Amino acid sequence: QRCVSQGRKLWFAHATTLIETRMYRSLAHLIEGWSKNIYLGALRSFPEEPVLRGLVPLLLAAPLLFWLLPPVGLAWSLSGAALPDGLAAAAVVATTLSAVFWMLVCYGMKIPPWYGLGFPLGAAVVLFIAARSLVRGRRAVEWKGRTYRVD
């Protein structure tokens, strides 16, 4: 695809078959990397908005709970515990739709679609990372043996 701006040509290419990146080589590295970035990055998203900055913990947790609570409710009901009327059926529908969604995401990313069935585990891990990031707060950022001051 070509774009011409002020007499200069700029070319765009969809290069997914030509390049790939790997930021982290293990789950431990991923947890460390995201723990230093999620909370501070979310705060920087709202530099002049104190109310939204105060809501950052909720904004980090809510989407993850959205993915996590239906399968937890479903597991709870399958264990024989009673759920309020209609909640077990809602948990089945929400969990099924979530699994289909994540399987389609996996398919689109060219990874085995059945990985999408692990979405509750993924949501739990990201919730853990977000909580870890919140606990770290604004203290100095440590990464690969170096410490950075956060203004």
N, C-alpha and C. Protein backbone atom coordinates (compact mmCIF):
# COMPACT_ATOMS: atom_id res chain seq x y z
N GLN A 1 0.85 -1.17 0.00
CA GLN A 1 0.00 0.00 0.00
C GLN A 1 0.90 1.23 0.00
N ARG A 2 0.48 2.27 -0.71
CA ARG A 2 1.31 3.45 -0.84
C ARG A 2 0.56 4.66 -0.32
N CYS A 3 1.29 5.54 0.33
CA CYS A 3 0.73 6.78 0.85
C CYS A 3 1.66 7.91 0.42
N VAL A 4 1.12 8.97 -0.15
CA VAL A 4 1.93 10.10 -0.56
C VAL A 4 1.58 11.29 0.32
N SER A 5 2.59 11.85 0.96
CA SER A 5 2.38 13.00 1.84
C SER A 5 3.48 14.01 1.60
N GLN A 6 3.12 15.20 1.26
CA GLN A 6 4.06 16.31 1.01
C GLN A 6 5.15 15.89 0.04
N GLY A 7 4.75 15.18 -1.01
CA GLY A 7 5.71 14.79 -2.04
C GLY A 7 6.58 13.60 -1.69
N ARG A 8 6.42 13.04 -0.49
CA ARG A 8 7.22 11.88 -0.08
C ARG A 8 6.36 10.64 -0.14
N LYS A 9 6.98 9.54 -0.55
CA LYS A 9 6.26 8.27 -0.62
C LYS A 9 6.56 7.46 0.63
N LEU A 10 5.52 6.88 1.17
CA LEU A 10 5.64 6.02 2.33
C LEU A 10 4.96 4.70 2.00
N TRP A 11 5.64 3.61 2.20
CA TRP A 11 5.09 2.29 1.88
C TRP A 11 4.74 1.55 3.16
N PHE A 12 3.58 0.91 3.15
CA PHE A 12 3.14 0.08 4.26
C PHE A 12 3.08 -1.36 3.78
N ALA A 13 3.47 -2.29 4.64
CA ALA A 13 3.38 -3.70 4.28
C ALA A 13 2.90 -4.49 5.49
N HIS A 14 2.04 -5.44 5.24
CA HIS A 14 1.59 -6.34 6.28
C HIS A 14 2.63 -7.46 6.34
N ALA A 15 3.50 -7.45 7.33
CA ALA A 15 4.68 -8.31 7.31
C ALA A 15 4.65 -9.43 8.34
N THR A 16 3.47 -9.92 8.70
CA THR A 16 3.41 -10.95 9.74
C THR A 16 4.17 -12.22 9.37
N THR A 17 4.34 -12.48 8.10
CA THR A 17 5.10 -13.67 7.71
C THR A 17 6.61 -13.39 7.66
N LEU A 18 7.00 -12.13 7.78
CA LEU A 18 8.42 -11.77 7.66
C LEU A 18 9.10 -11.51 8.99
N ILE A 19 8.35 -11.07 9.99
CA ILE A 19 8.98 -10.71 11.27
C ILE A 19 8.14 -11.23 12.43
N GLU A 20 8.80 -11.39 13.56
CA GLU A 20 8.11 -11.70 14.81
C GLU A 20 8.98 -11.19 15.95
N THR A 21 8.37 -11.02 17.09
CA THR A 21 9.09 -10.51 18.26
C THR A 21 8.82 -11.39 19.47
N ARG A 22 9.76 -11.48 20.33
CA ARG A 22 9.58 -12.18 21.60
C ARG A 22 10.14 -11.28 22.69
N MET A 23 9.24 -10.72 23.47
CA MET A 23 9.69 -9.82 24.53
C MET A 23 10.15 -10.59 25.76
N TYR A 24 9.49 -11.70 26.05
CA TYR A 24 9.77 -12.44 27.28
C TYR A 24 10.03 -13.90 26.94
N ARG A 25 10.98 -14.49 27.64
CA ARG A 25 11.33 -15.88 27.37
C ARG A 25 10.72 -16.85 28.38
N SER A 26 10.06 -16.34 29.41
CA SER A 26 9.46 -17.22 30.40
C SER A 26 8.30 -16.50 31.08
N LEU A 27 7.47 -17.27 31.78
CA LEU A 27 6.37 -16.67 32.53
C LEU A 27 6.91 -15.75 33.62
N ALA A 28 8.01 -16.13 34.25
CA ALA A 28 8.60 -15.29 35.30
C ALA A 28 9.01 -13.93 34.73
N HIS A 29 9.62 -13.92 33.54
CA HIS A 29 10.01 -12.65 32.91
C HIS A 29 8.78 -11.83 32.52
N LEU A 30 7.74 -12.50 32.03
CA LEU A 30 6.52 -11.81 31.66
C LEU A 30 5.87 -11.16 32.90
N ILE A 31 5.80 -11.91 34.00
CA ILE A 31 5.23 -11.37 35.23
C ILE A 31 6.02 -10.18 35.71
N GLU A 32 7.34 -10.28 35.68
CA GLU A 32 8.18 -9.16 36.12
C GLU A 32 8.00 -7.95 35.21
N GLY A 33 7.99 -8.17 33.91
CA GLY A 33 7.86 -7.06 32.96
C GLY A 33 6.52 -6.36 33.05
N TRP A 34 5.45 -7.13 33.10
CA TRP A 34 4.12 -6.52 33.16
C TRP A 34 3.88 -5.89 34.53
N SER A 35 4.43 -6.49 35.59
CA SER A 35 4.22 -5.93 36.93
C SER A 35 4.79 -4.52 37.04
N LYS A 36 5.85 -4.25 36.34
CA LYS A 36 6.43 -2.91 36.42
C LYS A 36 5.69 -1.91 35.54
N ASN A 37 4.91 -2.40 34.57
CA ASN A 37 4.31 -1.50 33.60
C ASN A 37 2.81 -1.24 33.74
N ILE A 38 2.05 -2.22 34.18
CA ILE A 38 0.59 -2.08 34.10
C ILE A 38 0.07 -0.90 34.91
N TYR A 39 0.38 -0.84 36.18
CA TYR A 39 -0.16 0.23 37.03
C TYR A 39 0.38 1.60 36.61
N LEU A 40 1.69 1.69 36.44
CA LEU A 40 2.28 2.99 36.06
C LEU A 40 1.79 3.44 34.69
N GLY A 41 1.66 2.51 33.76
CA GLY A 41 1.15 2.86 32.43
C GLY A 41 -0.29 3.33 32.48
N ALA A 42 -1.10 2.65 33.31
CA ALA A 42 -2.50 3.05 33.45
C ALA A 42 -2.60 4.45 34.05
N LEU A 43 -1.77 4.74 35.02
CA LEU A 43 -1.77 6.09 35.61
C LEU A 43 -1.41 7.14 34.57
N ARG A 44 -0.45 6.83 33.73
CA ARG A 44 -0.02 7.79 32.71
C ARG A 44 -1.09 8.00 31.64
N SER A 45 -2.04 7.08 31.56
CA SER A 45 -3.13 7.24 30.59
C SER A 45 -4.06 8.38 30.97
N PHE A 46 -4.04 8.77 32.23
CA PHE A 46 -4.93 9.83 32.73
C PHE A 46 -4.12 10.90 33.47
N PRO A 47 -3.21 11.59 32.78
CA PRO A 47 -2.28 12.49 33.48
C PRO A 47 -2.95 13.64 34.22
N GLU A 48 -4.02 14.18 33.70
CA GLU A 48 -4.66 15.35 34.32
C GLU A 48 -6.05 15.03 34.83
N GLU A 49 -6.33 13.78 35.11
CA GLU A 49 -7.68 13.38 35.52
C GLU A 49 -7.61 12.61 36.83
N PRO A 50 -7.63 13.30 37.97
CA PRO A 50 -7.46 12.65 39.27
C PRO A 50 -8.53 11.60 39.60
N VAL A 51 -9.77 11.82 39.16
CA VAL A 51 -10.82 10.84 39.44
C VAL A 51 -10.52 9.54 38.72
N LEU A 52 -10.17 9.62 37.44
CA LEU A 52 -9.85 8.40 36.69
C LEU A 52 -8.58 7.74 37.23
N ARG A 53 -7.62 8.54 37.65
CA ARG A 53 -6.40 7.98 38.24
C ARG A 53 -6.74 7.21 39.50
N GLY A 54 -7.69 7.72 40.27
CA GLY A 54 -8.11 7.03 41.48
C GLY A 54 -8.85 5.73 41.18
N LEU A 55 -9.47 5.66 40.01
CA LEU A 55 -10.21 4.47 39.61
C LEU A 55 -9.35 3.41 38.92
N VAL A 56 -8.07 3.69 38.73
CA VAL A 56 -7.20 2.77 37.99
C VAL A 56 -7.23 1.35 38.56
N PRO A 57 -7.17 1.15 39.88
CA PRO A 57 -7.24 -0.25 40.36
C PRO A 57 -8.52 -0.97 39.90
N LEU A 58 -9.64 -0.28 39.95
CA LEU A 58 -10.90 -0.88 39.50
C LEU A 58 -10.88 -1.12 37.99
N LEU A 59 -10.32 -0.15 37.25
CA LEU A 59 -10.25 -0.28 35.79
C LEU A 59 -9.34 -1.44 35.37
N LEU A 60 -8.35 -1.75 36.19
CA LEU A 60 -7.48 -2.89 35.90
C LEU A 60 -8.16 -4.21 36.24
N ALA A 61 -8.89 -4.24 37.34
CA ALA A 61 -9.48 -5.50 37.82
C ALA A 61 -10.77 -5.87 37.11
N ALA A 62 -11.61 -4.90 36.79
CA ALA A 62 -12.95 -5.19 36.27
C ALA A 62 -12.96 -6.06 35.01
N PRO A 63 -12.16 -5.76 33.99
CA PRO A 63 -12.20 -6.62 32.80
C PRO A 63 -11.75 -8.05 33.09
N LEU A 64 -10.80 -8.19 33.98
CA LEU A 64 -10.31 -9.53 34.31
C LEU A 64 -11.37 -10.32 35.07
N LEU A 65 -12.06 -9.65 35.97
CA LEU A 65 -13.15 -10.30 36.70
C LEU A 65 -14.28 -10.67 35.75
N PHE A 66 -14.49 -9.86 34.73
CA PHE A 66 -15.49 -10.16 33.71
C PHE A 66 -15.21 -11.51 33.06
N TRP A 67 -13.93 -11.79 32.79
CA TRP A 67 -13.57 -13.06 32.17
C TRP A 67 -13.51 -14.19 33.18
N LEU A 68 -13.24 -13.89 34.43
CA LEU A 68 -12.97 -14.92 35.44
C LEU A 68 -14.21 -15.38 36.20
N LEU A 69 -15.12 -14.47 36.52
CA LEU A 69 -16.26 -14.84 37.37
C LEU A 69 -17.22 -15.87 36.75
N PRO A 70 -17.57 -15.79 35.47
CA PRO A 70 -18.47 -16.83 34.93
C PRO A 70 -17.91 -18.25 35.03
N PRO A 71 -16.64 -18.52 34.66
CA PRO A 71 -16.16 -19.90 34.82
C PRO A 71 -16.06 -20.32 36.29
N VAL A 72 -15.75 -19.36 37.17
CA VAL A 72 -15.71 -19.69 38.60
C VAL A 72 -17.12 -20.05 39.07
N GLY A 73 -18.12 -19.27 38.66
CA GLY A 73 -19.50 -19.59 39.00
C GLY A 73 -19.94 -20.94 38.45
N LEU A 74 -19.52 -21.22 37.22
CA LEU A 74 -19.85 -22.50 36.60
C LEU A 74 -19.21 -23.65 37.37
N ALA A 75 -17.95 -23.52 37.71
CA ALA A 75 -17.26 -24.55 38.50
C ALA A 75 -17.93 -24.73 39.85
N TRP A 76 -18.32 -23.63 40.45
CA TRP A 76 -19.00 -23.66 41.76
C TRP A 76 -20.30 -24.46 41.64
N SER A 77 -21.08 -24.17 40.59
CA SER A 77 -22.37 -24.88 40.45
C SER A 77 -22.16 -26.35 40.10
N LEU A 78 -21.11 -26.67 39.34
CA LEU A 78 -20.83 -28.06 39.00
C LEU A 78 -20.35 -28.87 40.20
N SER A 79 -19.82 -28.17 41.20
CA SER A 79 -19.36 -28.86 42.41
C SER A 79 -20.53 -29.22 43.33
N GLY A 80 -21.73 -28.81 42.95
CA GLY A 80 -22.90 -29.13 43.75
C GLY A 80 -23.41 -27.98 44.59
N ALA A 81 -22.67 -26.89 44.61
CA ALA A 81 -23.10 -25.72 45.38
C ALA A 81 -24.24 -25.03 44.64
N ALA A 82 -25.17 -24.51 45.38
CA ALA A 82 -26.33 -23.84 44.78
C ALA A 82 -25.99 -22.39 44.45
N LEU A 83 -26.42 -21.97 43.26
CA LEU A 83 -26.30 -20.57 42.86
C LEU A 83 -27.71 -20.00 42.76
N PRO A 84 -27.86 -18.69 42.90
CA PRO A 84 -29.19 -18.08 42.74
C PRO A 84 -29.80 -18.44 41.38
N ASP A 85 -31.13 -18.44 41.33
CA ASP A 85 -31.86 -18.81 40.11
C ASP A 85 -31.31 -18.10 38.88
N GLY A 86 -31.08 -18.87 37.85
CA GLY A 86 -30.64 -18.31 36.57
C GLY A 86 -29.16 -18.02 36.48
N LEU A 87 -28.48 -17.97 37.61
CA LEU A 87 -27.06 -17.61 37.58
C LEU A 87 -26.20 -18.74 36.99
N ALA A 88 -26.55 -19.98 37.28
CA ALA A 88 -25.79 -21.10 36.72
C ALA A 88 -25.92 -21.13 35.20
N ALA A 89 -27.14 -20.91 34.70
CA ALA A 89 -27.34 -20.88 33.25
C ALA A 89 -26.59 -19.72 32.62
N ALA A 90 -26.61 -18.57 33.27
CA ALA A 90 -25.87 -17.40 32.77
C ALA A 90 -24.37 -17.68 32.75
N ALA A 91 -23.88 -18.40 33.76
CA ALA A 91 -22.46 -18.75 33.82
C ALA A 91 -22.09 -19.67 32.67
N VAL A 92 -22.96 -20.60 32.32
CA VAL A 92 -22.70 -21.51 31.20
C VAL A 92 -22.62 -20.72 29.90
N VAL A 93 -23.60 -19.85 29.67
CA VAL A 93 -23.63 -19.06 28.44
C VAL A 93 -22.40 -18.14 28.35
N ALA A 94 -22.12 -17.42 29.44
CA ALA A 94 -20.98 -16.48 29.43
C ALA A 94 -19.66 -17.21 29.23
N THR A 95 -19.50 -18.34 29.90
CA THR A 95 -18.25 -19.11 29.77
C THR A 95 -18.10 -19.65 28.35
N THR A 96 -19.19 -20.15 27.79
CA THR A 96 -19.15 -20.68 26.42
C THR A 96 -18.81 -19.58 25.42
N LEU A 97 -19.48 -18.44 25.53
CA LEU A 97 -19.19 -17.33 24.61
C LEU A 97 -17.76 -16.82 24.78
N SER A 98 -17.28 -16.76 26.00
CA SER A 98 -15.90 -16.34 26.24
C SER A 98 -14.91 -17.31 25.62
N ALA A 99 -15.17 -18.60 25.80
CA ALA A 99 -14.28 -19.60 25.22
C ALA A 99 -14.25 -19.49 23.70
N VAL A 100 -15.41 -19.33 23.09
CA VAL A 100 -15.47 -19.17 21.62
C VAL A 100 -14.71 -17.91 21.21
N PHE A 101 -14.91 -16.81 21.91
CA PHE A 101 -14.20 -15.56 21.60
C PHE A 101 -12.70 -15.78 21.64
N TRP A 102 -12.19 -16.36 22.74
CA TRP A 102 -10.75 -16.54 22.87
C TRP A 102 -10.20 -17.57 21.89
N MET A 103 -11.00 -18.56 21.52
CA MET A 103 -10.56 -19.51 20.51
C MET A 103 -10.42 -18.82 19.15
N LEU A 104 -11.34 -17.90 18.85
CA LEU A 104 -11.23 -17.13 17.60
C LEU A 104 -10.02 -16.20 17.63
N VAL A 105 -9.75 -15.60 18.78
CA VAL A 105 -8.56 -14.76 18.90
C VAL A 105 -7.31 -15.60 18.65
N CYS A 106 -7.25 -16.77 19.26
CA CYS A 106 -6.10 -17.66 19.05
C CYS A 106 -5.96 -18.04 17.59
N TYR A 107 -7.07 -18.40 16.97
CA TYR A 107 -7.05 -18.75 15.55
C TYR A 107 -6.51 -17.58 14.72
N GLY A 108 -6.97 -16.39 15.02
CA GLY A 108 -6.51 -15.21 14.30
C GLY A 108 -5.03 -14.93 14.49
N MET A 109 -4.50 -15.35 15.64
CA MET A 109 -3.08 -15.14 15.93
C MET A 109 -2.23 -16.33 15.47
N LYS A 110 -2.89 -17.28 14.79
CA LYS A 110 -2.21 -18.46 14.25
C LYS A 110 -1.58 -19.34 15.34
N ILE A 111 -2.29 -19.45 16.45
CA ILE A 111 -1.89 -20.40 17.48
C ILE A 111 -3.06 -21.38 17.65
N PRO A 112 -2.82 -22.54 18.21
CA PRO A 112 -3.90 -23.53 18.30
C PRO A 112 -5.15 -22.96 18.98
N PRO A 113 -6.30 -23.02 18.32
CA PRO A 113 -7.52 -22.45 18.89
C PRO A 113 -7.90 -23.00 20.25
N TRP A 114 -7.56 -24.26 20.53
CA TRP A 114 -7.94 -24.84 21.81
C TRP A 114 -7.25 -24.14 22.98
N TYR A 115 -6.18 -23.37 22.72
CA TYR A 115 -5.55 -22.57 23.79
C TYR A 115 -6.56 -21.59 24.39
N GLY A 116 -7.53 -21.18 23.59
CA GLY A 116 -8.55 -20.25 24.07
C GLY A 116 -9.35 -20.81 25.23
N LEU A 117 -9.37 -22.12 25.37
CA LEU A 117 -10.09 -22.74 26.49
C LEU A 117 -9.42 -22.43 27.83
N GLY A 118 -8.18 -22.02 27.77
CA GLY A 118 -7.45 -21.68 29.00
C GLY A 118 -7.65 -20.24 29.45
N PHE A 119 -8.63 -19.55 28.86
CA PHE A 119 -8.80 -18.13 29.19
C PHE A 119 -9.00 -17.86 30.68
N PRO A 120 -9.66 -18.74 31.46
CA PRO A 120 -9.78 -18.43 32.90
C PRO A 120 -8.41 -18.40 33.59
N LEU A 121 -7.54 -19.31 33.21
CA LEU A 121 -6.19 -19.31 33.78
C LEU A 121 -5.45 -18.03 33.39
N GLY A 122 -5.57 -17.64 32.13
CA GLY A 122 -4.95 -16.40 31.67
C GLY A 122 -5.47 -15.20 32.42
N ALA A 123 -6.79 -15.14 32.63
CA ALA A 123 -7.38 -14.02 33.36
C ALA A 123 -6.88 -14.00 34.80
N ALA A 124 -6.77 -15.17 35.42
CA ALA A 124 -6.28 -15.25 36.80
C ALA A 124 -4.83 -14.78 36.90
N VAL A 125 -4.00 -15.18 35.94
CA VAL A 125 -2.59 -14.76 35.95
C VAL A 125 -2.49 -13.25 35.75
N VAL A 126 -3.25 -12.69 34.82
CA VAL A 126 -3.19 -11.25 34.59
C VAL A 126 -3.74 -10.49 35.79
N LEU A 127 -4.76 -11.02 36.46
CA LEU A 127 -5.27 -10.40 37.68
C LEU A 127 -4.19 -10.39 38.76
N PHE A 128 -3.45 -11.50 38.87
CA PHE A 128 -2.32 -11.56 39.81
C PHE A 128 -1.27 -10.51 39.46
N ILE A 129 -0.94 -10.40 38.17
CA ILE A 129 0.06 -9.43 37.73
C ILE A 129 -0.41 -8.00 38.03
N ALA A 130 -1.68 -7.72 37.76
CA ALA A 130 -2.21 -6.38 38.04
C ALA A 130 -2.16 -6.08 39.53
N ALA A 131 -2.52 -7.06 40.36
CA ALA A 131 -2.45 -6.87 41.82
C ALA A 131 -1.01 -6.64 42.26
N ARG A 132 -0.10 -7.39 41.69
CA ARG A 132 1.33 -7.23 42.01
C ARG A 132 1.82 -5.85 41.61
N SER A 133 1.37 -5.38 40.46
CA SER A 133 1.75 -4.06 39.99
C SER A 133 1.20 -2.97 40.91
N LEU A 134 -0.05 -3.15 41.37
CA LEU A 134 -0.64 -2.18 42.29
C LEU A 134 0.12 -2.13 43.61
N VAL A 135 0.53 -3.29 44.10
CA VAL A 135 1.29 -3.34 45.36
C VAL A 135 2.64 -2.66 45.20
N ARG A 136 3.26 -2.86 44.05
CA ARG A 136 4.55 -2.19 43.79
C ARG A 136 4.38 -0.68 43.76
N GLY A 137 3.24 -0.26 43.21
CA GLY A 137 2.93 1.17 43.18
C GLY A 137 3.94 1.99 42.41
N ARG A 138 4.28 3.12 43.01
CA ARG A 138 5.13 4.09 42.31
C ARG A 138 6.58 4.02 42.73
N ARG A 139 6.96 3.00 43.46
CA ARG A 139 8.36 2.94 43.86
C ARG A 139 9.24 2.78 42.61
N ALA A 140 10.52 2.81 42.80
CA ALA A 140 11.44 2.71 41.67
C ALA A 140 11.17 1.44 40.88
N VAL A 141 11.31 1.54 39.58
CA VAL A 141 11.10 0.39 38.69
C VAL A 141 12.41 -0.37 38.57
N GLU A 142 12.34 -1.67 38.81
CA GLU A 142 13.52 -2.53 38.68
C GLU A 142 13.32 -3.44 37.49
N TRP A 143 14.36 -3.53 36.66
CA TRP A 143 14.26 -4.38 35.47
C TRP A 143 15.64 -4.87 35.10
N LYS A 144 15.78 -6.19 35.05
CA LYS A 144 17.02 -6.85 34.66
C LYS A 144 18.22 -6.29 35.41
N GLY A 145 18.07 -6.16 36.72
CA GLY A 145 19.17 -5.73 37.57
C GLY A 145 19.40 -4.23 37.60
N ARG A 146 18.61 -3.46 36.89
CA ARG A 146 18.76 -2.00 36.90
C ARG A 146 17.56 -1.39 37.61
N THR A 147 17.77 -0.25 38.25
CA THR A 147 16.69 0.46 38.93
C THR A 147 16.51 1.81 38.27
N TYR A 148 15.23 2.13 37.97
CA TYR A 148 14.89 3.40 37.33
C TYR A 148 14.03 4.20 38.28
N ARG A 149 14.29 5.48 38.36
CA ARG A 149 13.49 6.36 39.18
C ARG A 149 12.22 6.74 38.42
N VAL A 150 11.09 6.72 39.12
CA VAL A 150 9.82 7.08 38.50
C VAL A 150 9.41 8.45 39.00
N ASP A 151 9.22 9.39 38.07
CA ASP A 151 8.82 10.74 38.46
C ASP A 151 7.32 10.82 38.61
